[in-house]
Amino acid sequence: MSVKVQYTIPGWEPSPSAAPLPDTAPVVFEERLRQLGRPAATTWQQVLHLDSPQPGDLALPPPPRPFAHVYSDPAEDRRRWQGLLRRHLTSPAPATPEVARMLAALARMEQNEMEIETRMTIESQE
């Protein structure tokens, strides 16, 4: 028993002359890809790649320090931070639960930091 399957819809058959030759189609396609892969340089700066950053251009110096900023040592910064945190912890209840959670997390971090500092001090004296 044999079954014949018709793969084309009657009236919609492709014409034999429209099919490209297998030898020429890949070459034309490959050339088209090569043309698309190369961007067309429009200015002489683009041709010489002067429009892209040079190796030294990416290293920027740090911004100048503001005149009003006074340098303080880490111990002074720590004292300021602890004072700020104590003021917020002793003030009336925070406005939102998110702020209360953040203050509780910061208080735990400060407690952990103080424990570590105490341990390091004790170990350095031994």
C-alpha atoms as a PDB file:
ATOM      1  CA  MET A   1       0.000   0.000   0.000  1.00  0.00           C
ATOM      2  CA  SER A   2       1.384   3.413  -0.884  1.00  0.00           C
ATOM      3  CA  VAL A   3       0.232   6.803   0.208  1.00  0.00           C
ATOM      4  CA  LYS A   4       0.782   9.915  -1.814  1.00  0.00           C
ATOM      5  CA  VAL A   5       1.248  13.090   0.189  1.00  0.00           C
ATOM      6  CA  GLN A   6       0.766  16.409  -1.515  1.00  0.00           C
ATOM      7  CA  TYR A   7       3.085  18.998   0.025  1.00  0.00           C
ATOM      8  CA  THR A   8       1.918  22.027  -1.920  1.00  0.00           C
ATOM      9  CA  ILE A   9      -1.404  23.776  -2.074  1.00  0.00           C
ATOM     10  CA  PRO A  10      -2.832  23.797  -5.579  1.00  0.00           C
ATOM     11  CA  GLY A  11      -2.385  27.233  -7.112  1.00  0.00           C
ATOM     12  CA  TRP A  12       0.468  28.097  -4.737  1.00  0.00           C
ATOM     13  CA  GLU A  13       3.236  26.003  -6.233  1.00  0.00           C
ATOM     14  CA  PRO A  14       6.626  27.735  -6.370  1.00  0.00           C
ATOM     15  CA  SER A  15       7.896  28.462  -9.807  1.00  0.00           C
ATOM     16  CA  PRO A  16      11.074  26.574 -10.743  1.00  0.00           C
ATOM     17  CA  SER A  17      12.816  29.724 -12.049  1.00  0.00           C
ATOM     18  CA  ALA A  18      12.453  31.561  -8.690  1.00  0.00           C
ATOM     19  CA  ALA A  19      14.663  29.100  -6.791  1.00  0.00           C
ATOM     20  CA  PRO A  20      18.276  30.377  -6.463  1.00  0.00           C
ATOM     21  CA  LEU A  21      21.118  28.201  -7.595  1.00  0.00           C
ATOM     22  CA  PRO A  22      22.743  26.459  -4.635  1.00  0.00           C
ATOM     23  CA  ASP A  23      26.312  27.454  -5.734  1.00  0.00           C
ATOM     24  CA  THR A  24      25.698  31.214  -5.882  1.00  0.00           C
ATOM     25  CA  ALA A  25      23.293  31.762  -2.952  1.00  0.00           C
ATOM     26  CA  PRO A  26      25.756  31.232  -0.045  1.00  0.00           C
ATOM     27  CA  VAL A  27      28.417  33.456  -1.601  1.00  0.00           C
ATOM     28  CA  VAL A  28      25.971  36.342  -2.026  1.00  0.00           C
ATOM     29  CA  PHE A  29      24.688  35.863   1.533  1.00  0.00           C
ATOM     30  CA  GLU A  30      28.223  35.742   2.978  1.00  0.00           C
ATOM     31  CA  GLU A  31      29.171  38.936   1.147  1.00  0.00           C
ATOM     32  CA  ARG A  32      26.047  40.638   2.429  1.00  0.00           C
ATOM     33  CA  LEU A  33      26.969  39.607   5.994  1.00  0.00           C
ATOM     34  CA  ARG A  34      30.493  41.005   5.548  1.00  0.00           C
ATOM     35  CA  GLN A  35      29.071  44.310   4.338  1.00  0.00           C
ATOM     36  CA  LEU A  36      26.699  44.513   7.297  1.00  0.00           C
ATOM     37  CA  GLY A  37      29.469  43.607   9.747  1.00  0.00           C
ATOM     38  CA  ARG A  38      31.610  46.580   8.746  1.00  0.00           C
ATOM     39  CA  PRO A  39      30.241  49.925   9.932  1.00  0.00           C
ATOM     40  CA  ALA A  40      30.714  52.671   7.409  1.00  0.00           C
ATOM     41  CA  ALA A  41      33.201  55.241   8.707  1.00  0.00           C
ATOM     42  CA  THR A  42      31.837  58.692   8.003  1.00  0.00           C
ATOM     43  CA  THR A  43      34.495  61.014   9.416  1.00  0.00           C
ATOM     44  CA  TRP A  44      38.269  60.974   9.478  1.00  0.00           C
ATOM     45  CA  GLN A  45      38.162  60.795  13.312  1.00  0.00           C
ATOM     46  CA  GLN A  46      36.249  57.520  13.063  1.00  0.00           C
ATOM     47  CA  VAL A  47      38.669  56.171  10.459  1.00  0.00           C
ATOM     48  CA  LEU A  48      41.613  56.884  12.783  1.00  0.00           C
ATOM     49  CA  HIS A  49      39.611  55.777  15.872  1.00  0.00           C
ATOM     50  CA  LEU A  50      40.110  59.163  17.498  1.00  0.00           C
ATOM     51  CA  ASP A  51      36.487  59.215  18.642  1.00  0.00           C
ATOM     52  CA  SER A  52      37.062  56.321  21.089  1.00  0.00           C
ATOM     53  CA  PRO A  53      38.638  57.002  24.513  1.00  0.00           C
ATOM     54  CA  GLN A  54      42.393  56.683  24.717  1.00  0.00           C
ATOM     55  CA  PRO A  55      43.988  54.450  27.411  1.00  0.00           C
ATOM     56  CA  GLY A  56      44.804  57.350  29.736  1.00  0.00           C
ATOM     57  CA  ASP A  57      41.429  59.060  29.310  1.00  0.00           C
ATOM     58  CA  LEU A  58      39.586  56.562  31.496  1.00  0.00           C
ATOM     59  CA  ALA A  59      41.645  57.282  34.623  1.00  0.00           C
ATOM     60  CA  LEU A  60      40.081  60.371  36.176  1.00  0.00           C
ATOM     61  CA  PRO A  61      41.598  62.072  39.196  1.00  0.00           C
ATOM     62  CA  PRO A  62      39.439  62.250  42.322  1.00  0.00           C
ATOM     63  CA  PRO A  63      37.316  65.367  42.698  1.00  0.00           C
ATOM     64  CA  PRO A  64      38.773  68.139  44.820  1.00  0.00           C
ATOM     65  CA  ARG A  65      37.891  68.094  48.509  1.00  0.00           C
ATOM     66  CA  PRO A  66      35.386  70.797  49.462  1.00  0.00           C
ATOM     67  CA  PHE A  67      36.830  73.634  51.529  1.00  0.00           C
ATOM     68  CA  ALA A  68      34.118  73.263  54.177  1.00  0.00           C
ATOM     69  CA  HIS A  69      34.992  69.598  54.786  1.00  0.00           C
ATOM     70  CA  VAL A  70      37.422  69.113  57.615  1.00  0.00           C
ATOM     71  CA  TYR A  71      39.308  65.846  57.782  1.00  0.00           C
ATOM     72  CA  SER A  72      38.618  63.822  60.898  1.00  0.00           C
ATOM     73  CA  ASP A  73      40.148  60.625  62.108  1.00  0.00           C
ATOM     74  CA  PRO A  74      38.239  57.315  62.254  1.00  0.00           C
ATOM     75  CA  ALA A  75      37.799  57.531  66.037  1.00  0.00           C
ATOM     76  CA  GLU A  76      36.095  60.921  65.658  1.00  0.00           C
ATOM     77  CA  ASP A  77      33.863  59.561  62.892  1.00  0.00           C
ATOM     78  CA  ARG A  78      32.928  56.607  65.110  1.00  0.00           C
ATOM     79  CA  ARG A  79      32.023  58.932  68.003  1.00  0.00           C
ATOM     80  CA  ARG A  80      29.872  61.079  65.716  1.00  0.00           C
ATOM     81  CA  TRP A  81      28.128  58.005  64.325  1.00  0.00           C
ATOM     82  CA  GLN A  82      27.459  56.567  67.767  1.00  0.00           C
ATOM     83  CA  GLY A  83      26.077  59.905  68.970  1.00  0.00           C
ATOM     84  CA  LEU A  84      23.785  60.167  65.964  1.00  0.00           C
ATOM     85  CA  LEU A  85      22.537  56.609  66.467  1.00  0.00           C
ATOM     86  CA  ARG A  86      21.947  57.149  70.217  1.00  0.00           C
ATOM     87  CA  ARG A  87      19.941  60.303  69.523  1.00  0.00           C
ATOM     88  CA  HIS A  88      17.688  58.398  67.102  1.00  0.00           C
ATOM     89  CA  LEU A  89      17.326  55.412  69.423  1.00  0.00           C
ATOM     90  CA  THR A  90      16.359  57.564  72.427  1.00  0.00           C
ATOM     91  CA  SER A  91      13.982  59.804  70.465  1.00  0.00           C
ATOM     92  CA  PRO A  92      10.224  59.056  70.352  1.00  0.00           C
ATOM     93  CA  ALA A  93       9.024  56.056  68.337  1.00  0.00           C
ATOM     94  CA  PRO A  94       9.866  56.189  64.620  1.00  0.00           C
ATOM     95  CA  ALA A  95       7.170  57.147  62.136  1.00  0.00           C
ATOM     96  CA  THR A  96       7.196  53.864  60.185  1.00  0.00           C
ATOM     97  CA  PRO A  97       7.975  50.222  60.972  1.00  0.00           C
ATOM     98  CA  GLU A  98      10.669  50.245  58.285  1.00  0.00           C
ATOM     99  CA  VAL A  99      12.568  52.994  60.117  1.00  0.00           C
ATOM    100  CA  ALA A 100      12.214  51.085  63.403  1.00  0.00           C
ATOM    101  CA  ARG A 101      13.648  47.921  61.790  1.00  0.00           C
ATOM    102  CA  MET A 102      16.550  49.895  60.286  1.00  0.00           C
ATOM    103  CA  LEU A 103      17.364  51.506  63.641  1.00  0.00           C
ATOM    104  CA  ALA A 104      17.229  48.092  65.353  1.00  0.00           C
ATOM    105  CA  ALA A 105      19.594  46.657  62.717  1.00  0.00           C
ATOM    106  CA  LEU A 106      21.982  49.586  63.139  1.00  0.00           C
ATOM    107  CA  ALA A 107      21.901  49.159  66.939  1.00  0.00           C
ATOM    108  CA  ARG A 108      22.771  45.445  66.541  1.00  0.00           C
ATOM    109  CA  MET A 109      25.614  46.343  64.182  1.00  0.00           C
ATOM    110  CA  GLU A 110      26.990  48.853  66.675  1.00  0.00           C
ATOM    111  CA  GLN A 111      26.763  46.287  69.484  1.00  0.00           C
ATOM    112  CA  ASN A 112      28.601  43.696  67.343  1.00  0.00           C
ATOM    113  CA  GLU A 113      31.259  46.245  66.429  1.00  0.00           C
ATOM    114  CA  MET A 114      31.799  47.130  70.095  1.00  0.00           C
ATOM    115  CA  GLU A 115      32.142  43.420  70.993  1.00  0.00           C
ATOM    116  CA  ILE A 116      34.709  42.880  68.249  1.00  0.00           C
ATOM    117  CA  GLU A 117      36.630  45.977  69.306  1.00  0.00           C
ATOM    118  CA  THR A 118      36.656  44.764  72.926  1.00  0.00           C
ATOM    119  CA  ARG A 119      37.877  41.298  71.890  1.00  0.00           C
ATOM    120  CA  MET A 120      40.631  42.767  69.731  1.00  0.00           C
ATOM    121  CA  THR A 121      41.751  45.025  72.585  1.00  0.00           C
ATOM    122  CA  ILE A 122      41.848  42.122  75.040  1.00  0.00           C
ATOM    123  CA  GLU A 123      43.730  39.866  72.597  1.00  0.00           C
ATOM    124  CA  SER A 124      46.289  42.565  71.819  1.00  0.00           C
ATOM    125  CA  GLN A 125      47.088  42.959  75.544  1.00  0.00           C
ATOM    126  CA  GLU A 126      47.697  39.258  76.090  1.00  0.00           C
END
